[in-house]
Amino acid sequence: MEKGYCVKCKAKRGMENTKQVAMKSRGTTKRFAMKGTCEKCNTGMYRILPAVGGPAKKAAPAKKVVKKVAKKAAPKKAVKKAAPKKAAKKPAKKGRK
């Protein structure tokens, strides 16, 4: 009997009525899984099987380690800041004070 994790029971349980299925994939390789039902609550269960016999992945080439030398920062040029504009004074209203 195949075992899997039941999401409803939140425990590892045995699977009944199991069959192997091929899942959809984006690429050329397919992933296989066991599909069945929980022995206690009859909820549908999946167990993804390890990839066996698939195309071997090529090892990535080793990257060269390049030591970076810190460059001396160039002095920054002084930037003149523009003076803030003064708000125009509104004329005082005549009449009540």
N, C-alpha and C. Protein backbone atom coordinates (compact mmCIF):
# COMPACT_ATOMS: atom_id res chain seq x y z
N MET A 1 0.85 -1.18 0.00
CA MET A 1 0.00 0.00 0.00
C MET A 1 0.89 1.23 0.00
N GLU A 2 0.56 2.15 -0.88
CA GLU A 2 1.31 3.39 -1.02
C GLU A 2 0.86 4.35 0.08
N LYS A 3 1.82 5.14 0.61
CA LYS A 3 1.47 6.12 1.64
C LYS A 3 1.62 7.51 1.07
N GLY A 4 0.82 8.42 1.61
CA GLY A 4 0.87 9.81 1.19
C GLY A 4 0.35 10.70 2.30
N TYR A 5 0.38 12.01 2.08
CA TYR A 5 -0.07 12.96 3.09
C TYR A 5 -1.49 13.38 2.75
N CYS A 6 -2.40 13.19 3.69
CA CYS A 6 -3.78 13.61 3.51
C CYS A 6 -3.92 15.03 4.06
N VAL A 7 -4.38 15.94 3.22
CA VAL A 7 -4.51 17.34 3.62
C VAL A 7 -5.68 17.52 4.58
N LYS A 8 -6.72 16.74 4.38
CA LYS A 8 -7.90 16.86 5.24
C LYS A 8 -7.61 16.30 6.64
N CYS A 9 -6.98 15.14 6.72
CA CYS A 9 -6.66 14.52 8.03
C CYS A 9 -5.41 15.15 8.65
N LYS A 10 -4.59 15.81 7.83
CA LYS A 10 -3.31 16.39 8.26
C LYS A 10 -2.39 15.34 8.87
N ALA A 11 -2.30 14.20 8.18
CA ALA A 11 -1.45 13.12 8.65
C ALA A 11 -1.07 12.24 7.45
N LYS A 12 -0.01 11.43 7.63
CA LYS A 12 0.36 10.47 6.60
C LYS A 12 -0.57 9.27 6.73
N ARG A 13 -1.18 8.91 5.63
CA ARG A 13 -2.12 7.79 5.62
C ARG A 13 -1.85 6.91 4.41
N GLY A 14 -2.42 5.73 4.46
CA GLY A 14 -2.34 4.83 3.32
C GLY A 14 -3.31 5.28 2.23
N MET A 15 -2.95 4.97 0.97
CA MET A 15 -3.81 5.35 -0.15
C MET A 15 -4.47 4.10 -0.73
N GLU A 16 -5.75 4.20 -0.99
CA GLU A 16 -6.49 3.11 -1.61
C GLU A 16 -6.76 3.47 -3.06
N ASN A 17 -7.02 2.46 -3.88
CA ASN A 17 -7.34 2.63 -5.30
C ASN A 17 -6.26 3.45 -6.00
N THR A 18 -5.01 3.07 -5.79
CA THR A 18 -3.91 3.85 -6.35
C THR A 18 -3.68 3.50 -7.81
N LYS A 19 -3.28 4.50 -8.56
CA LYS A 19 -2.82 4.28 -9.93
C LYS A 19 -1.79 5.35 -10.26
N GLN A 20 -0.85 4.98 -11.14
CA GLN A 20 0.20 5.91 -11.50
C GLN A 20 -0.29 6.77 -12.67
N VAL A 21 -0.11 8.08 -12.55
CA VAL A 21 -0.54 9.01 -13.59
C VAL A 21 0.64 9.90 -13.97
N ALA A 22 0.60 10.41 -15.20
CA ALA A 22 1.61 11.37 -15.68
C ALA A 22 1.00 12.75 -15.56
N MET A 23 1.69 13.64 -14.85
CA MET A 23 1.17 14.99 -14.67
C MET A 23 1.55 15.86 -15.86
N LYS A 24 0.82 16.93 -16.05
CA LYS A 24 1.13 17.88 -17.12
C LYS A 24 2.46 18.54 -16.81
N SER A 25 3.18 18.87 -17.86
CA SER A 25 4.46 19.54 -17.66
C SER A 25 4.61 20.66 -18.66
N ARG A 26 5.50 21.59 -18.36
CA ARG A 26 5.75 22.71 -19.26
C ARG A 26 6.76 22.34 -20.34
N GLY A 27 7.65 21.44 -20.01
CA GLY A 27 8.71 21.08 -20.95
C GLY A 27 8.45 19.72 -21.57
N THR A 28 9.53 19.05 -21.92
CA THR A 28 9.40 17.75 -22.57
C THR A 28 9.36 16.61 -21.57
N THR A 29 9.85 16.82 -20.36
CA THR A 29 9.86 15.75 -19.37
C THR A 29 8.54 15.72 -18.62
N LYS A 30 8.09 14.53 -18.28
CA LYS A 30 6.85 14.39 -17.53
C LYS A 30 7.19 13.96 -16.11
N ARG A 31 6.38 14.40 -15.16
CA ARG A 31 6.53 13.96 -13.78
C ARG A 31 5.41 12.97 -13.49
N PHE A 32 5.75 11.92 -12.78
CA PHE A 32 4.77 10.90 -12.45
C PHE A 32 4.34 11.02 -11.00
N ALA A 33 3.10 10.61 -10.74
CA ALA A 33 2.56 10.68 -9.39
C ALA A 33 1.64 9.49 -9.17
N MET A 34 1.44 9.16 -7.90
CA MET A 34 0.45 8.14 -7.53
C MET A 34 -0.81 8.87 -7.11
N LYS A 35 -1.92 8.47 -7.70
CA LYS A 35 -3.20 9.08 -7.39
C LYS A 35 -4.06 8.03 -6.69
N GLY A 36 -4.70 8.45 -5.61
CA GLY A 36 -5.55 7.53 -4.87
C GLY A 36 -6.45 8.27 -3.91
N THR A 37 -7.04 7.54 -2.96
CA THR A 37 -7.91 8.15 -1.96
C THR A 37 -7.43 7.78 -0.57
N CYS A 38 -7.72 8.63 0.39
CA CYS A 38 -7.33 8.39 1.78
C CYS A 38 -8.14 7.22 2.31
N GLU A 39 -7.47 6.34 3.08
CA GLU A 39 -8.15 5.16 3.60
C GLU A 39 -9.16 5.50 4.69
N LYS A 40 -9.02 6.66 5.30
CA LYS A 40 -9.91 7.02 6.40
C LYS A 40 -11.06 7.93 5.97
N CYS A 41 -10.75 8.99 5.18
CA CYS A 41 -11.79 9.97 4.86
C CYS A 41 -12.17 9.99 3.37
N ASN A 42 -11.55 9.18 2.55
CA ASN A 42 -11.82 9.07 1.11
C ASN A 42 -11.57 10.37 0.33
N THR A 43 -10.70 11.23 0.83
CA THR A 43 -10.32 12.43 0.11
C THR A 43 -9.28 12.05 -0.95
N GLY A 44 -9.34 12.72 -2.10
CA GLY A 44 -8.36 12.46 -3.15
C GLY A 44 -6.97 12.85 -2.70
N MET A 45 -5.98 12.00 -3.01
CA MET A 45 -4.59 12.24 -2.60
C MET A 45 -3.67 12.06 -3.80
N TYR A 46 -2.56 12.78 -3.79
CA TYR A 46 -1.50 12.63 -4.77
C TYR A 46 -0.19 12.45 -4.03
N ARG A 47 0.69 11.66 -4.61
CA ARG A 47 2.05 11.56 -4.10
C ARG A 47 2.97 11.66 -5.30
N ILE A 48 3.74 12.73 -5.37
CA ILE A 48 4.64 12.94 -6.51
C ILE A 48 5.84 12.00 -6.35
N LEU A 49 6.11 11.25 -7.40
CA LEU A 49 7.19 10.27 -7.37
C LEU A 49 8.49 10.92 -7.81
N PRO A 50 9.62 10.38 -7.33
CA PRO A 50 10.92 10.95 -7.74
C PRO A 50 11.15 10.71 -9.24
N ALA A 51 11.83 11.64 -9.87
CA ALA A 51 12.13 11.54 -11.30
C ALA A 51 13.16 10.43 -11.50
N VAL A 52 12.82 9.46 -12.34
CA VAL A 52 13.71 8.35 -12.62
C VAL A 52 13.84 8.20 -14.13
N GLY A 53 15.06 8.08 -14.60
CA GLY A 53 15.28 7.84 -16.01
C GLY A 53 15.08 9.05 -16.89
N GLY A 54 14.95 10.20 -16.31
CA GLY A 54 14.79 11.42 -17.10
C GLY A 54 16.13 11.86 -17.66
N PRO A 55 16.12 12.86 -18.51
CA PRO A 55 17.39 13.35 -19.05
C PRO A 55 18.25 13.94 -17.94
N ALA A 56 19.51 13.56 -17.95
CA ALA A 56 20.43 14.04 -16.91
C ALA A 56 20.71 15.51 -17.12
N LYS A 57 20.71 16.26 -16.06
CA LYS A 57 21.01 17.69 -16.15
C LYS A 57 22.51 17.86 -16.25
N LYS A 58 22.91 18.76 -17.15
CA LYS A 58 24.34 19.04 -17.29
C LYS A 58 24.78 19.93 -16.14
N ALA A 59 25.96 19.64 -15.64
CA ALA A 59 26.50 20.45 -14.56
C ALA A 59 26.90 21.81 -15.12
N ALA A 60 26.60 22.83 -14.37
CA ALA A 60 26.95 24.19 -14.79
C ALA A 60 28.48 24.35 -14.74
N PRO A 61 29.05 25.02 -15.72
CA PRO A 61 30.50 25.21 -15.69
C PRO A 61 30.90 26.08 -14.50
N ALA A 62 32.06 25.77 -13.97
CA ALA A 62 32.53 26.51 -12.80
C ALA A 62 32.82 27.96 -13.19
N LYS A 63 32.37 28.88 -12.37
CA LYS A 63 32.59 30.29 -12.65
C LYS A 63 33.97 30.69 -12.16
N LYS A 64 34.60 31.57 -12.94
CA LYS A 64 35.90 32.07 -12.52
C LYS A 64 35.70 33.11 -11.44
N VAL A 65 36.53 33.04 -10.44
CA VAL A 65 36.45 34.01 -9.35
C VAL A 65 37.35 35.18 -9.70
N VAL A 66 36.74 36.34 -9.82
CA VAL A 66 37.49 37.53 -10.16
C VAL A 66 37.46 38.45 -8.95
N LYS A 67 38.66 38.82 -8.53
CA LYS A 67 38.74 39.70 -7.37
C LYS A 67 38.55 41.13 -7.85
N LYS A 68 37.56 41.79 -7.29
CA LYS A 68 37.29 43.17 -7.67
C LYS A 68 38.09 44.10 -6.80
N VAL A 69 38.72 45.08 -7.45
CA VAL A 69 39.51 46.07 -6.73
C VAL A 69 38.64 47.31 -6.58
N ALA A 70 38.56 47.80 -5.37
CA ALA A 70 37.74 48.98 -5.11
C ALA A 70 38.39 50.20 -5.76
N LYS A 71 37.57 50.93 -6.52
CA LYS A 71 38.08 52.14 -7.16
C LYS A 71 37.95 53.30 -6.21
N LYS A 72 38.91 54.21 -6.31
CA LYS A 72 38.88 55.38 -5.46
C LYS A 72 37.80 56.32 -5.99
N ALA A 73 36.94 56.77 -5.12
CA ALA A 73 35.84 57.64 -5.53
C ALA A 73 36.37 59.00 -5.94
N ALA A 74 35.87 59.50 -7.06
CA ALA A 74 36.27 60.82 -7.54
C ALA A 74 35.58 61.87 -6.68
N PRO A 75 36.26 62.99 -6.43
CA PRO A 75 35.62 64.03 -5.61
C PRO A 75 34.39 64.59 -6.34
N LYS A 76 33.36 64.82 -5.58
CA LYS A 76 32.12 65.33 -6.16
C LYS A 76 32.23 66.84 -6.33
N LYS A 77 31.65 67.31 -7.42
CA LYS A 77 31.65 68.73 -7.69
C LYS A 77 30.57 69.39 -6.84
N ALA A 78 30.86 70.60 -6.37
CA ALA A 78 29.89 71.33 -5.57
C ALA A 78 28.77 71.81 -6.47
N VAL A 79 27.57 71.58 -6.06
CA VAL A 79 26.41 72.00 -6.83
C VAL A 79 25.74 73.14 -6.10
N LYS A 80 25.51 74.24 -6.83
CA LYS A 80 24.85 75.38 -6.20
C LYS A 80 23.36 75.10 -6.13
N LYS A 81 22.82 75.34 -4.96
CA LYS A 81 21.39 75.14 -4.78
C LYS A 81 20.68 76.45 -5.07
N ALA A 82 19.57 76.36 -5.75
CA ALA A 82 18.79 77.55 -6.07
C ALA A 82 18.08 78.03 -4.81
N ALA A 83 18.05 79.33 -4.62
CA ALA A 83 17.39 79.90 -3.45
C ALA A 83 15.88 79.70 -3.58
N PRO A 84 15.22 79.38 -2.48
CA PRO A 84 13.77 79.18 -2.57
C PRO A 84 13.07 80.49 -2.93
N LYS A 85 12.01 80.35 -3.73
CA LYS A 85 11.28 81.54 -4.15
C LYS A 85 10.48 82.07 -2.98
N LYS A 86 10.48 83.38 -2.87
CA LYS A 86 9.72 84.01 -1.79
C LYS A 86 8.28 84.17 -2.24
N ALA A 87 7.38 83.88 -1.33
CA ALA A 87 5.96 84.01 -1.64
C ALA A 87 5.60 85.48 -1.70
N ALA A 88 4.81 85.84 -2.69
CA ALA A 88 4.38 87.24 -2.83
C ALA A 88 3.39 87.56 -1.72
N LYS A 89 3.56 88.72 -1.13
CA LYS A 89 2.67 89.13 -0.05
C LYS A 89 1.35 89.60 -0.63
N LYS A 90 0.27 89.16 -0.02
CA LYS A 90 -1.05 89.59 -0.45
C LYS A 90 -1.33 90.96 0.15
N PRO A 91 -1.95 91.83 -0.62
CA PRO A 91 -2.27 93.15 -0.05
C PRO A 91 -3.31 93.00 1.07
N ALA A 92 -3.11 93.78 2.11
CA ALA A 92 -4.01 93.73 3.27
C ALA A 92 -5.37 94.29 2.88
N LYS A 93 -6.43 93.67 3.36
CA LYS A 93 -7.77 94.16 3.08
C LYS A 93 -8.05 95.39 3.93
N LYS A 94 -8.68 96.32 3.33
CA LYS A 94 -9.03 97.53 4.05
C LYS A 94 -10.41 97.33 4.67
N GLY A 95 -10.60 97.84 5.79
CA GLY A 95 -11.89 97.72 6.44
C GLY A 95 -11.72 97.22 7.85
N ARG A 96 -12.32 96.15 8.17
CA ARG A 96 -12.26 95.62 9.54
C ARG A 96 -10.86 95.18 9.90
N LYS A 97 -10.57 95.31 11.16
CA LYS A 97 -9.29 94.84 11.68
C LYS A 97 -9.51 93.89 12.78
